[in-house]
Structure formats: structure tokens, C-alpha cells
């Protein structure tokens, strides 16, 4: 699933209140560490084991209200939301910390015994 930009506060509010857990990358155009980790975040969004998560980005320069609502203090910051609740957060361009957070919140894939008709 590609990373979807969040364009305004209304969209941010809809995303964080989704029934699907979401990971949001709060970044800024001037932030070099943000630019370094962005392609890594994109790769995580494409991995099959993360298919149960939504992946989004907030440009904090263009969407200051979302940044303030989420209480972002440093960039990049990655947060997991589900049904309006912030479940987790990690700050900085640390791929292993981001991977751990995503893995922790990715819904488990159904086991073979849970699949219906082999699907």
C-alpha cells in the first residue's frame, strides 16, 4: 500500500479515527533526517506483513494544526493511531525503531486454519 499524504486537518482527523490502525510520518521539507528515512517508510508500507496498516505522511509545514494536535516535538516523528487513540510513537530517523513499532502494531495475518477455503 503506498503512503498517502494527509492534506488538511479534516483528513488527519478522519485517518486517526479509522477502524484500521495507521502509521503516520510527521516530516518537514527542511528536515534532512526525514528525507533519509522517507524511502524506508515507503518500503515498510509495501511489505505484505504490514498490509493491515494504513501508511500516511503529514507535511508539518503545510498542516501545522495536525502537528499541534498530535503534540509533535521533533521530526521525523512516527505515530500509530487506531480509532482515535495514539497507541505508540517513535522519534528520529532510526529504521530499526520504526520497524519494531510497525511490527508491534501490524494486525496478525490469518493462520492457515483461520483461512476460509484456502483464502
PDB file of N, CA and C in Angstrom:
ATOM      1  N   UNK A   1       0.852  -1.180   0.000  1.00  0.00           N
ATOM      2  CA  UNK A   1       0.000   0.000   0.000  1.00  0.00           C
ATOM      3  C   UNK A   1       0.897   1.241   0.000  1.00  0.00           C
ATOM      4  N   UNK A   2       0.667   2.151  -0.909  1.00  0.00           N
ATOM      5  CA  UNK A   2       1.508   3.354  -0.919  1.00  0.00           C
ATOM      6  C   UNK A   2       1.216   4.260   0.274  1.00  0.00           C
ATOM      7  N   UNK A   3       2.166   5.136   0.562  1.00  0.00           N
ATOM      8  CA  UNK A   3       1.995   6.118   1.634  1.00  0.00           C
ATOM      9  C   UNK A   3       1.133   7.256   1.090  1.00  0.00           C
ATOM     10  N   UNK A   4       0.089   7.600   1.824  1.00  0.00           N
ATOM     11  CA  UNK A   4      -0.859   8.623   1.395  1.00  0.00           C
ATOM     12  C   UNK A   4      -0.599   9.925   2.139  1.00  0.00           C
ATOM     13  N   UNK A   5      -0.451  11.033   1.424  1.00  0.00           N
ATOM     14  CA  UNK A   5      -0.297  12.326   2.103  1.00  0.00           C
ATOM     15  C   UNK A   5      -1.608  12.756   2.767  1.00  0.00           C
ATOM     16  N   UNK A   6      -1.503  13.292   3.958  1.00  0.00           N
ATOM     17  CA  UNK A   6      -2.647  13.889   4.641  1.00  0.00           C
ATOM     18  C   UNK A   6      -2.593  15.385   4.326  1.00  0.00           C
ATOM     19  N   UNK A   7      -3.642  15.878   3.685  1.00  0.00           N
ATOM     20  CA  UNK A   7      -3.590  17.223   3.114  1.00  0.00           C
ATOM     21  C   UNK A   7      -4.130  18.324   4.017  1.00  0.00           C
ATOM     22  N   UNK A   8      -5.008  17.969   4.953  1.00  0.00           N
ATOM     23  CA  UNK A   8      -5.562  19.006   5.828  1.00  0.00           C
ATOM     24  C   UNK A   8      -5.987  18.370   7.156  1.00  0.00           C
ATOM     25  N   UNK A   9      -6.406  19.213   8.087  1.00  0.00           N
ATOM     26  CA  UNK A   9      -6.739  18.723   9.424  1.00  0.00           C
ATOM     27  C   UNK A   9      -7.956  17.791   9.394  1.00  0.00           C
ATOM     28  N   UNK A  10      -8.930  18.087   8.559  1.00  0.00           N
ATOM     29  CA  UNK A  10     -10.111  17.219   8.478  1.00  0.00           C
ATOM     30  C   UNK A  10      -9.701  15.806   8.054  1.00  0.00           C
ATOM     31  N   UNK A  11      -8.824  15.722   7.065  1.00  0.00           N
ATOM     32  CA  UNK A  11      -8.327  14.421   6.602  1.00  0.00           C
ATOM     33  C   UNK A  11      -7.555  13.727   7.731  1.00  0.00           C
ATOM     34  N   UNK A  12      -6.708  14.467   8.437  1.00  0.00           N
ATOM     35  CA  UNK A  12      -5.958  13.924   9.577  1.00  0.00           C
ATOM     36  C   UNK A  12      -6.922  13.329  10.600  1.00  0.00           C
ATOM     37  N   UNK A  13      -7.958  14.066  10.933  1.00  0.00           N
ATOM     38  CA  UNK A  13      -8.930  13.616  11.928  1.00  0.00           C
ATOM     39  C   UNK A  13      -9.621  12.326  11.475  1.00  0.00           C
ATOM     40  N   UNK A  14      -9.978  12.252  10.191  1.00  0.00           N
ATOM     41  CA  UNK A  14     -10.614  11.042   9.657  1.00  0.00           C
ATOM     42  C   UNK A  14      -9.658   9.851   9.731  1.00  0.00           C
ATOM     43  N   UNK A  15      -8.400  10.075   9.387  1.00  0.00           N
ATOM     44  CA  UNK A  15      -7.403   8.995   9.369  1.00  0.00           C
ATOM     45  C   UNK A  15      -7.169   8.445  10.770  1.00  0.00           C
ATOM     46  N   UNK A  16      -6.952   9.314  11.759  1.00  0.00           N
ATOM     47  CA  UNK A  16      -6.630   8.822  13.105  1.00  0.00           C
ATOM     48  C   UNK A  16      -7.820   8.151  13.770  1.00  0.00           C
ATOM     49  N   UNK A  17      -9.030   8.431  13.295  1.00  0.00           N
ATOM     50  CA  UNK A  17     -10.232   7.811  13.861  1.00  0.00           C
ATOM     51  C   UNK A  17     -10.694   6.591  13.076  1.00  0.00           C
ATOM     52  N   UNK A  18      -9.878   6.137  12.158  1.00  0.00           N
ATOM     53  CA  UNK A  18     -10.202   4.990  11.320  1.00  0.00           C
ATOM     54  C   UNK A  18     -10.269   3.696  12.130  1.00  0.00           C
ATOM     55  N   UNK A  19     -11.026   2.744  11.600  1.00  0.00           N
ATOM     56  CA  UNK A  19     -11.062   1.401  12.188  1.00  0.00           C
ATOM     57  C   UNK A  19      -9.784   0.622  11.886  1.00  0.00           C
ATOM     58  N   UNK A  20      -9.029   1.085  10.908  1.00  0.00           N
ATOM     59  CA  UNK A  20      -7.755   0.463  10.540  1.00  0.00           C
ATOM     60  C   UNK A  20      -6.631   1.160  11.294  1.00  0.00           C
ATOM     61  N   UNK A  21      -5.730   0.412  11.929  1.00  0.00           N
ATOM     62  CA  UNK A  21      -4.581   1.070  12.551  1.00  0.00           C
ATOM     63  C   UNK A  21      -3.749   1.781  11.480  1.00  0.00           C
ATOM     64  N   UNK A  22      -3.256   2.970  11.820  1.00  0.00           N
ATOM     65  CA  UNK A  22      -2.486   3.760  10.864  1.00  0.00           C
ATOM     66  C   UNK A  22      -1.155   4.202  11.463  1.00  0.00           C
ATOM     67  N   UNK A  23      -0.147   4.273  10.606  1.00  0.00           N
ATOM     68  CA  UNK A  23       1.167   4.802  10.981  1.00  0.00           C
ATOM     69  C   UNK A  23       1.324   6.112  10.225  1.00  0.00           C
ATOM     70  N   UNK A  24       1.650   7.172  10.959  1.00  0.00           N
ATOM     71  CA  UNK A  24       1.787   8.487  10.344  1.00  0.00           C
ATOM     72  C   UNK A  24       3.210   8.996  10.531  1.00  0.00           C
ATOM     73  N   UNK A  25       3.788   9.443   9.440  1.00  0.00           N
ATOM     74  CA  UNK A  25       5.115  10.061   9.408  1.00  0.00           C
ATOM     75  C   UNK A  25       4.926  11.570   9.412  1.00  0.00           C
ATOM     76  N   UNK A  26       5.337  12.227  10.500  1.00  0.00           N
ATOM     77  CA  UNK A  26       5.321  13.684  10.585  1.00  0.00           C
ATOM     78  C   UNK A  26       6.694  14.177  10.157  1.00  0.00           C
ATOM     79  N   UNK A  27       6.745  14.968   9.097  1.00  0.00           N
ATOM     80  CA  UNK A  27       8.010  15.372   8.489  1.00  0.00           C
ATOM     81  C   UNK A  27       7.933  16.848   8.083  1.00  0.00           C
ATOM     82  N   UNK A  28       9.083  17.382   7.689  1.00  0.00           N
ATOM     83  CA  UNK A  28       9.147  18.754   7.181  1.00  0.00           C
ATOM     84  C   UNK A  28      10.099  18.796   5.990  1.00  0.00           C
ATOM     85  N   UNK A  29       9.841  19.670   5.026  1.00  0.00           N
ATOM     86  CA  UNK A  29      10.680  19.745   3.831  1.00  0.00           C
ATOM     87  C   UNK A  29      12.145  20.080   4.118  1.00  0.00           C
ATOM     88  N   UNK A  30      12.405  20.791   5.187  1.00  0.00           N
ATOM     89  CA  UNK A  30      13.774  21.207   5.529  1.00  0.00           C
ATOM     90  C   UNK A  30      14.523  20.158   6.349  1.00  0.00           C
ATOM     91  N   UNK A  31      13.850  19.088   6.731  1.00  0.00           N
ATOM     92  CA  UNK A  31      14.407  18.079   7.652  1.00  0.00           C
ATOM     93  C   UNK A  31      15.184  17.013   6.879  1.00  0.00           C
ATOM     94  N   UNK A  32      16.501  17.039   6.983  1.00  0.00           N
ATOM     95  CA  UNK A  32      17.326  16.049   6.269  1.00  0.00           C
ATOM     96  C   UNK A  32      17.103  14.617   6.771  1.00  0.00           C
ATOM     97  N   UNK A  33      17.035  14.379   8.091  1.00  0.00           N
ATOM     98  CA  UNK A  33      16.746  13.009   8.545  1.00  0.00           C
ATOM     99  C   UNK A  33      15.401  12.489   8.009  1.00  0.00           C
ATOM    100  N   UNK A  34      14.432  13.392   7.825  1.00  0.00           N
ATOM    101  CA  UNK A  34      13.134  12.998   7.258  1.00  0.00           C
ATOM    102  C   UNK A  34      13.319  12.474   5.840  1.00  0.00           C
ATOM    103  N   UNK A  35      14.171  13.147   5.083  1.00  0.00           N
ATOM    104  CA  UNK A  35      14.418  12.749   3.695  1.00  0.00           C
ATOM    105  C   UNK A  35      15.157  11.414   3.622  1.00  0.00           C
ATOM    106  N   UNK A  36      15.994  11.155   4.616  1.00  0.00           N
ATOM    107  CA  UNK A  36      16.751   9.896   4.643  1.00  0.00           C
ATOM    108  C   UNK A  36      15.838   8.708   4.944  1.00  0.00           C
ATOM    109  N   UNK A  37      14.928   8.868   5.894  1.00  0.00           N
ATOM    110  CA  UNK A  37      14.100   7.720   6.302  1.00  0.00           C
ATOM    111  C   UNK A  37      12.829   7.568   5.456  1.00  0.00           C
ATOM    112  N   UNK A  38      12.465   8.573   4.698  1.00  0.00           N
ATOM    113  CA  UNK A  38      11.241   8.502   3.894  1.00  0.00           C
ATOM    114  C   UNK A  38      11.182   7.283   2.965  1.00  0.00           C
ATOM    115  N   UNK A  39      12.251   6.965   2.204  1.00  0.00           N
ATOM    116  CA  UNK A  39      12.170   5.773   1.349  1.00  0.00           C
ATOM    117  C   UNK A  39      12.064   4.469   2.141  1.00  0.00           C
ATOM    118  N   UNK A  40      12.588   4.448   3.344  1.00  0.00           N
ATOM    119  CA  UNK A  40      12.489   3.264   4.211  1.00  0.00           C
ATOM    120  C   UNK A  40      11.042   3.090   4.666  1.00  0.00           C
ATOM    121  N   UNK A  41      10.400   4.198   5.049  1.00  0.00           N
ATOM    122  CA  UNK A  41       8.982   4.183   5.431  1.00  0.00           C
ATOM    123  C   UNK A  41       8.136   3.679   4.257  1.00  0.00           C
ATOM    124  N   UNK A  42       8.458   4.149   3.059  1.00  0.00           N
ATOM    125  CA  UNK A  42       7.749   3.698   1.851  1.00  0.00           C
ATOM    126  C   UNK A  42       7.888   2.177   1.679  1.00  0.00           C
ATOM    127  N   UNK A  43       9.094   1.651   1.897  1.00  0.00           N
ATOM    128  CA  UNK A  43       9.313   0.198   1.758  1.00  0.00           C
ATOM    129  C   UNK A  43       8.482  -0.581   2.772  1.00  0.00           C
ATOM    130  N   UNK A  44       8.428  -0.095   4.013  1.00  0.00           N
ATOM    131  CA  UNK A  44       7.609  -0.763   5.028  1.00  0.00           C
ATOM    132  C   UNK A  44       6.146  -0.801   4.584  1.00  0.00           C
ATOM    133  N   UNK A  45       5.672   0.263   3.960  1.00  0.00           N
ATOM    134  CA  UNK A  45       4.264   0.315   3.538  1.00  0.00           C
ATOM    135  C   UNK A  45       3.951  -0.713   2.458  1.00  0.00           C
ATOM    136  N   UNK A  46       4.971  -1.117   1.698  1.00  0.00           N
ATOM    137  CA  UNK A  46       4.777  -2.087   0.611  1.00  0.00           C
ATOM    138  C   UNK A  46       4.935  -3.538   1.050  1.00  0.00           C
ATOM    139  N   UNK A  47       5.368  -3.778   2.280  1.00  0.00           N
ATOM    140  CA  UNK A  47       5.603  -5.150   2.731  1.00  0.00           C
ATOM    141  C   UNK A  47       4.279  -5.833   3.076  1.00  0.00           C
ATOM    142  N   UNK A  48       4.138  -7.052   2.583  1.00  0.00           N
ATOM    143  CA  UNK A  48       2.894  -7.807   2.748  1.00  0.00           C
ATOM    144  C   UNK A  48       2.480  -7.946   4.214  1.00  0.00           C
ATOM    145  N   UNK A  49       3.444  -8.153   5.091  1.00  0.00           N
ATOM    146  CA  UNK A  49       3.113  -8.345   6.511  1.00  0.00           C
ATOM    147  C   UNK A  49       2.549  -7.077   7.159  1.00  0.00           C
ATOM    148  N   UNK A  50       2.659  -5.935   6.472  1.00  0.00           N
ATOM    149  CA  UNK A  50       2.132  -4.674   7.004  1.00  0.00           C
ATOM    150  C   UNK A  50       0.849  -4.253   6.293  1.00  0.00           C
ATOM    151  N   UNK A  51       0.258  -5.166   5.525  1.00  0.00           N
ATOM    152  CA  UNK A  51      -0.922  -4.834   4.721  1.00  0.00           C
ATOM    153  C   UNK A  51      -2.126  -4.412   5.566  1.00  0.00           C
ATOM    154  N   UNK A  52      -2.169  -4.797   6.814  1.00  0.00           N
ATOM    155  CA  UNK A  52      -3.287  -4.432   7.680  1.00  0.00           C
ATOM    156  C   UNK A  52      -3.176  -3.048   8.291  1.00  0.00           C
ATOM    157  N   UNK A  53      -2.124  -2.333   7.963  1.00  0.00           N
ATOM    158  CA  UNK A  53      -1.916  -0.972   8.461  1.00  0.00           C
ATOM    159  C   UNK A  53      -2.094   0.030   7.334  1.00  0.00           C
ATOM    160  N   UNK A  54      -2.540   1.226   7.681  1.00  0.00           N
ATOM    161  CA  UNK A  54      -2.537   2.339   6.742  1.00  0.00           C
ATOM    162  C   UNK A  54      -1.269   3.150   6.968  1.00  0.00           C
ATOM    163  N   UNK A  55      -0.677   3.645   5.899  1.00  0.00           N
ATOM    164  CA  UNK A  55       0.554   4.443   5.991  1.00  0.00           C
ATOM    165  C   UNK A  55       0.286   5.833   5.424  1.00  0.00           C
ATOM    166  N   UNK A  56       0.596   6.859   6.228  1.00  0.00           N
ATOM    167  CA  UNK A  56       0.302   8.243   5.868  1.00  0.00           C
ATOM    168  C   UNK A  56       1.482   9.140   6.224  1.00  0.00           C
ATOM    169  N   UNK A  57       1.498  10.327   5.583  1.00  0.00           N
ATOM    170  CA  UNK A  57       2.525  11.334   5.850  1.00  0.00           C
ATOM    171  C   UNK A  57       1.848  12.678   6.083  1.00  0.00           C
ATOM    172  N   UNK A  58       2.384  13.436   7.043  1.00  0.00           N
ATOM    173  CA  UNK A  58       1.919  14.795   7.286  1.00  0.00           C
ATOM    174  C   UNK A  58       3.108  15.743   7.119  1.00  0.00           C
ATOM    175  N   UNK A  59       3.004  16.647   6.147  1.00  0.00           N
ATOM    176  CA  UNK A  59       3.967  17.736   5.999  1.00  0.00           C
ATOM    177  C   UNK A  59       3.602  18.761   7.068  1.00  0.00           C
ATOM    178  N   UNK A  60       4.425  18.869   8.095  1.00  0.00           N
ATOM    179  CA  UNK A  60       4.098  19.721   9.239  1.00  0.00           C
ATOM    180  C   UNK A  60       4.129  21.208   8.895  1.00  0.00           C
ATOM    181  N   UNK A  61       4.804  21.564   7.820  1.00  0.00           N
ATOM    182  CA  UNK A  61       4.800  22.958   7.367  1.00  0.00           C
ATOM    183  C   UNK A  61       3.441  23.304   6.753  1.00  0.00           C
ATOM    184  N   UNK A  62       2.834  22.367   6.068  1.00  0.00           N
ATOM    185  CA  UNK A  62       1.560  22.589   5.391  1.00  0.00           C
ATOM    186  C   UNK A  62       0.359  22.258   6.272  1.00  0.00           C
ATOM    187  N   UNK A  63       0.571  21.506   7.346  1.00  0.00           N
ATOM    188  CA  UNK A  63      -0.527  21.063   8.197  1.00  0.00           C
ATOM    189  C   UNK A  63      -0.133  21.214   9.669  1.00  0.00           C
ATOM    190  N   UNK A  64       0.080  22.452  10.059  1.00  0.00           N
ATOM    191  CA  UNK A  64       0.529  22.748  11.419  1.00  0.00           C
ATOM    192  C   UNK A  64      -0.491  22.315  12.474  1.00  0.00           C
ATOM    193  N   UNK A  65      -1.768  22.408  12.151  1.00  0.00           N
ATOM    194  CA  UNK A  65      -2.803  22.030  13.114  1.00  0.00           C
ATOM    195  C   UNK A  65      -2.710  20.546  13.476  1.00  0.00           C
ATOM    196  N   UNK A  66      -2.446  19.694  12.491  1.00  0.00           N
ATOM    197  CA  UNK A  66      -2.291  18.264  12.769  1.00  0.00           C
ATOM    198  C   UNK A  66      -1.065  18.023  13.639  1.00  0.00           C
ATOM    199  N   UNK A  67       0.035  18.730  13.343  1.00  0.00           N
ATOM    200  CA  UNK A  67       1.255  18.597  14.142  1.00  0.00           C
ATOM    201  C   UNK A  67       0.989  18.991  15.598  1.00  0.00           C
ATOM    202  N   UNK A  68       0.270  20.088  15.798  1.00  0.00           N
ATOM    203  CA  UNK A  68      -0.041  20.534  17.159  1.00  0.00           C
ATOM    204  C   UNK A  68      -0.974  19.564  17.867  1.00  0.00           C
ATOM    205  N   UNK A  69      -1.986  19.071  17.158  1.00  0.00           N
ATOM    206  CA  UNK A  69      -2.934  18.123  17.757  1.00  0.00           C
ATOM    207  C   UNK A  69      -2.231  16.848  18.219  1.00  0.00           C
ATOM    208  N   UNK A  70      -1.253  16.400  17.440  1.00  0.00           N
ATOM    209  CA  UNK A  70      -0.512  15.180  17.780  1.00  0.00           C
ATOM    210  C   UNK A  70       0.639  15.452  18.750  1.00  0.00           C
ATOM    211  N   UNK A  71       0.868  16.711  19.080  1.00  0.00           N
ATOM    212  CA  UNK A  71       1.942  17.119  20.007  1.00  0.00           C
ATOM    213  C   UNK A  71       3.315  16.664  19.519  1.00  0.00           C
ATOM    214  N   UNK A  72       3.562  16.871  18.230  1.00  0.00           N
ATOM    215  CA  UNK A  72       4.862  16.527  17.646  1.00  0.00           C
ATOM    216  C   UNK A  72       5.885  17.554  18.129  1.00  0.00           C
ATOM    217  N   UNK A  73       7.027  17.065  18.638  1.00  0.00           N
ATOM    218  CA  UNK A  73       8.068  17.942  19.166  1.00  0.00           C
ATOM    219  C   UNK A  73       9.352  17.885  18.357  1.00  0.00           C
ATOM    220  N   UNK A  74       9.537  16.819  17.602  1.00  0.00           N
ATOM    221  CA  UNK A  74      10.765  16.626  16.840  1.00  0.00           C
ATOM    222  C   UNK A  74      10.417  15.907  15.541  1.00  0.00           C
ATOM    223  N   UNK A  75      11.229  16.138  14.533  1.00  0.00           N
ATOM    224  CA  UNK A  75      10.985  15.462  13.261  1.00  0.00           C
ATOM    225  C   UNK A  75      12.220  14.711  12.809  1.00  0.00           C
ATOM    226  N   UNK A  76      11.994  13.561  12.188  1.00  0.00           N
ATOM    227  CA  UNK A  76      10.690  12.950  11.961  1.00  0.00           C
ATOM    228  C   UNK A  76      10.146  12.302  13.231  1.00  0.00           C
ATOM    229  N   UNK A  77       8.831  12.266  13.320  1.00  0.00           N
ATOM    230  CA  UNK A  77       8.139  11.519  14.365  1.00  0.00           C
ATOM    231  C   UNK A  77       7.145  10.600  13.674  1.00  0.00           C
ATOM    232  N   UNK A  78       7.096   9.373  14.141  1.00  0.00           N
ATOM    233  CA  UNK A  78       6.164   8.380  13.613  1.00  0.00           C
ATOM    234  C   UNK A  78       5.209   7.993  14.737  1.00  0.00           C
ATOM    235  N   UNK A  79       3.914   7.996  14.441  1.00  0.00           N
ATOM    236  CA  UNK A  79       2.901   7.651  15.443  1.00  0.00           C
ATOM    237  C   UNK A  79       1.937   6.628  14.871  1.00  0.00           C
ATOM    238  N   UNK A  80       1.434   5.773  15.752  1.00  0.00           N
ATOM    239  CA  UNK A  80       0.404   4.796  15.396  1.00  0.00           C
ATOM    240  C   UNK A  80      -0.893   5.222  16.082  1.00  0.00           C
ATOM    241  N   UNK A  81      -1.955   5.317  15.295  1.00  0.00           N
ATOM    242  CA  UNK A  81      -3.284   5.639  15.813  1.00  0.00           C
ATOM    243  C   UNK A  81      -4.254   4.536  15.412  1.00  0.00           C
ATOM    244  N   UNK A  82      -5.255   4.336  16.269  1.00  0.00           N
ATOM    245  CA  UNK A  82      -6.333   3.393  15.954  1.00  0.00           C
ATOM    246  C   UNK A  82      -7.581   3.854  16.687  1.00  0.00           C
ATOM    247  N   UNK A  83      -8.644   4.086  15.935  1.00  0.00           N
ATOM    248  CA  UNK A  83      -9.931   4.503  16.489  1.00  0.00           C
ATOM    249  C   UNK A  83      -9.791   5.722  17.395  1.00  0.00           C
ATOM    250  N   UNK A  84      -8.961   6.675  16.985  1.00  0.00           N
ATOM    251  CA  UNK A  84      -8.801   7.925  17.716  1.00  0.00           C
ATOM    252  C   UNK A  84      -7.795   7.904  18.849  1.00  0.00           C
ATOM    253  N   UNK A  85      -7.193   6.758  19.100  1.00  0.00           N
ATOM    254  CA  UNK A  85      -6.225   6.638  20.192  1.00  0.00           C
ATOM    255  C   UNK A  85      -4.807   6.542  19.657  1.00  0.00           C
ATOM    256  N   UNK A  86      -3.909   7.305  20.254  1.00  0.00           N
ATOM    257  CA  UNK A  86      -2.500   7.160  19.903  1.00  0.00           C
ATOM    258  C   UNK A  86      -1.967   5.960  20.669  1.00  0.00           C
ATOM    259  N   UNK A  87      -1.482   4.966  19.912  1.00  0.00           N
ATOM    260  CA  UNK A  87      -1.017   3.725  20.524  1.00  0.00           C
ATOM    261  C   UNK A  87       0.484   3.700  20.747  1.00  0.00           C
ATOM    262  N   UNK A  88       1.222   4.429  19.920  1.00  0.00           N
ATOM    263  CA  UNK A  88       2.678   4.338  20.006  1.00  0.00           C
ATOM    264  C   UNK A  88       3.305   5.518  19.280  1.00  0.00           C
ATOM    265  N   UNK A  89       4.590   5.724  19.548  1.00  0.00           N
ATOM    266  CA  UNK A  89       5.324   6.830  18.936  1.00  0.00           C
ATOM    267  C   UNK A  89       6.815   6.536  18.986  1.00  0.00           C
ATOM    268  N   UNK A  90       7.509   6.941  17.933  1.00  0.00           N
ATOM    269  CA  UNK A  90       8.961   6.909  17.941  1.00  0.00           C
ATOM    270  C   UNK A  90       9.444   8.133  17.172  1.00  0.00           C
ATOM    271  N   UNK A  91      10.519   8.712  17.633  1.00  0.00           N
ATOM    272  CA  UNK A  91      11.041   9.924  17.004  1.00  0.00           C
ATOM    273  C   UNK A  91      12.455   9.675  16.498  1.00  0.00           C
ATOM    274  N   UNK A  92      12.785  10.366  15.419  1.00  0.00           N
ATOM    275  CA  UNK A  92      14.119  10.249  14.849  1.00  0.00           C
ATOM    276  C   UNK A  92      14.133   9.308  13.658  1.00  0.00           C
ATOM    277  N   UNK A  93      15.215   9.370  12.909  1.00  0.00           N
ATOM    278  CA  UNK A  93      15.371   8.558  11.693  1.00  0.00           C
ATOM    279  C   UNK A  93      16.100   7.262  12.021  1.00  0.00           C
ATOM    280  N   UNK A  94      15.442   6.412  12.798  1.00  0.00           N
ATOM    281  CA  UNK A  94      16.017   5.147  13.236  1.00  0.00           C
ATOM    282  C   UNK A  94      15.211   3.996  12.644  1.00  0.00           C
ATOM    283  N   UNK A  95      15.675   3.427  11.536  1.00  0.00           N
ATOM    284  CA  UNK A  95      14.904   2.377  10.864  1.00  0.00           C
ATOM    285  C   UNK A  95      14.529   1.205  11.765  1.00  0.00           C
ATOM    286  N   UNK A  96      15.425   0.776  12.650  1.00  0.00           N
ATOM    287  CA  UNK A  96      15.109  -0.392  13.483  1.00  0.00           C
ATOM    288  C   UNK A  96      13.999  -0.069  14.489  1.00  0.00           C
ATOM    289  N   UNK A  97      13.986   1.135  15.043  1.00  0.00           N
ATOM    290  CA  UNK A  97      12.908   1.515  15.968  1.00  0.00           C
ATOM    291  C   UNK A  97      11.584   1.619  15.228  1.00  0.00           C
ATOM    292  N   UNK A  98      11.619   2.180  14.027  1.00  0.00           N
ATOM    293  CA  UNK A  98      10.407   2.282  13.221  1.00  0.00           C
ATOM    294  C   UNK A  98       9.893   0.893  12.855  1.00  0.00           C
ATOM    295  N   UNK A  99      10.785   0.007  12.442  1.00  0.00           N
ATOM    296  CA  UNK A  99      10.398  -1.367  12.085  1.00  0.00           C
ATOM    297  C   UNK A  99       9.773  -2.084  13.279  1.00  0.00           C
ATOM    298  N   UNK A 100      10.369  -1.920  14.459  1.00  0.00           N
ATOM    299  CA  UNK A 100       9.829  -2.568  15.661  1.00  0.00           C
ATOM    300  C   UNK A 100       8.420  -2.064  15.977  1.00  0.00           C
ATOM    301  N   UNK A 101       8.224  -0.747  15.856  1.00  0.00           N
ATOM    302  CA  UNK A 101       6.913  -0.172  16.153  1.00  0.00           C
ATOM    303  C   UNK A 101       5.869  -0.672  15.153  1.00  0.00           C
ATOM    304  N   UNK A 102       6.220  -0.704  13.887  1.00  0.00           N
ATOM    305  CA  UNK A 102       5.286  -1.178  12.852  1.00  0.00           C
ATOM    306  C   UNK A 102       4.944  -2.643  13.086  1.00  0.00           C
ATOM    307  N   UNK A 103       5.947  -3.455  13.353  1.00  0.00           N
ATOM    308  CA  UNK A 103       5.721  -4.887  13.590  1.00  0.00           C
ATOM    309  C   UNK A 103       4.805  -5.102  14.797  1.00  0.00           C
ATOM    310  N   UNK A 104       4.996  -4.314  15.825  1.00  0.00           N
ATOM    311  CA  UNK A 104       4.202  -4.429  17.054  1.00  0.00           C
ATOM    312  C   UNK A 104       2.715  -4.180  16.787  1.00  0.00           C
ATOM    313  N   UNK A 105       2.408  -3.305  15.831  1.00  0.00           N
ATOM    314  CA  UNK A 105       1.017  -2.902  15.621  1.00  0.00           C
ATOM    315  C   UNK A 105       0.382  -3.465  14.356  1.00  0.00           C
ATOM    316  N   UNK A 106       1.155  -4.162  13.540  1.00  0.00           N
ATOM    317  CA  UNK A 106       0.582  -4.768  12.335  1.00  0.00           C
ATOM    318  C   UNK A 106      -0.356  -5.898  12.749  1.00  0.00           C
ATOM    319  N   UNK A 107      -1.597  -5.869  12.268  1.00  0.00           N
ATOM    320  CA  UNK A 107      -2.508  -6.969  12.601  1.00  0.00           C
ATOM    321  C   UNK A 107      -1.921  -8.293  12.122  1.00  0.00           C
ATOM    322  N   UNK A 108      -2.081  -9.298  12.931  1.00  0.00           N
ATOM    323  CA  UNK A 108      -1.543 -10.616  12.585  1.00  0.00           C
ATOM    324  C   UNK A 108      -2.250 -11.165  11.353  1.00  0.00           C
ATOM    325  N   UNK A 109      -1.476 -11.731  10.468  1.00  0.00           N
ATOM    326  CA  UNK A 109      -2.054 -12.384   9.292  1.00  0.00           C
ATOM    327  C   UNK A 109      -2.768 -13.651   9.750  1.00  0.00           C
ATOM    328  N   UNK A 110      -3.868 -14.006   9.096  1.00  0.00           N
ATOM    329  CA  UNK A 110      -4.575 -15.229   9.500  1.00  0.00           C
ATOM    330  C   UNK A 110      -3.700 -16.461   9.274  1.00  0.00           C
ATOM    331  N   UNK A 111      -3.798 -17.374  10.203  1.00  0.00           N
ATOM    332  CA  UNK A 111      -3.068 -18.639  10.047  1.00  0.00           C
ATOM    333  C   UNK A 111      -3.826 -19.497   9.040  1.00  0.00           C
ATOM    334  N   UNK A 112      -3.206 -20.578   8.583  1.00  0.00           N
ATOM    335  CA  UNK A 112      -3.839 -21.463   7.615  1.00  0.00           C
ATOM    336  C   UNK A 112      -5.181 -21.996   8.132  1.00  0.00           C
ATOM    337  N   UNK A 113      -5.262 -22.267   9.432  1.00  0.00           N
ATOM    338  CA  UNK A 113      -6.505 -22.813   9.988  1.00  0.00           C
ATOM    339  C   UNK A 113      -7.594 -21.741  10.061  1.00  0.00           C
ATOM    340  N   UNK A 114      -7.214 -20.452  10.048  1.00  0.00           N
ATOM    341  CA  UNK A 114      -8.196 -19.382  10.094  1.00  0.00           C
ATOM    342  C   UNK A 114      -8.690 -18.987   8.701  1.00  0.00           C
ATOM    343  N   UNK A 115      -7.956 -19.372   7.693  1.00  0.00           N
ATOM    344  CA  UNK A 115      -8.339 -19.016   6.333  1.00  0.00           C
ATOM    345  C   UNK A 115      -9.536 -19.855   5.904  1.00  0.00           C
ATOM    346  N   UNK A 116     -10.423 -19.224   5.163  1.00  0.00           N
ATOM    347  CA  UNK A 116     -11.617 -19.908   4.684  1.00  0.00           C
ATOM    348  C   UNK A 116     -11.366 -20.364   3.253  1.00  0.00           C
ATOM    349  N   UNK A 117     -11.558 -21.638   3.004  1.00  0.00           N
ATOM    350  CA  UNK A 117     -11.374 -22.210   1.668  1.00  0.00           C
ATOM    351  C   UNK A 117     -10.000 -21.911   1.094  1.00  0.00           C
ATOM    352  N   UNK A 118      -8.996 -21.909   1.946  1.00  0.00           N
ATOM    353  CA  UNK A 118      -7.614 -21.686   1.498  1.00  0.00           C
ATOM    354  C   UNK A 118      -7.319 -20.262   1.088  1.00  0.00           C
ATOM    355  N   UNK A 119      -8.203 -19.340   1.399  1.00  0.00           N
ATOM    356  CA  UNK A 119      -8.007 -17.925   1.015  1.00  0.00           C
ATOM    357  C   UNK A 119      -7.545 -17.129   2.206  1.00  0.00           C
TER     358      UNK A 119
END
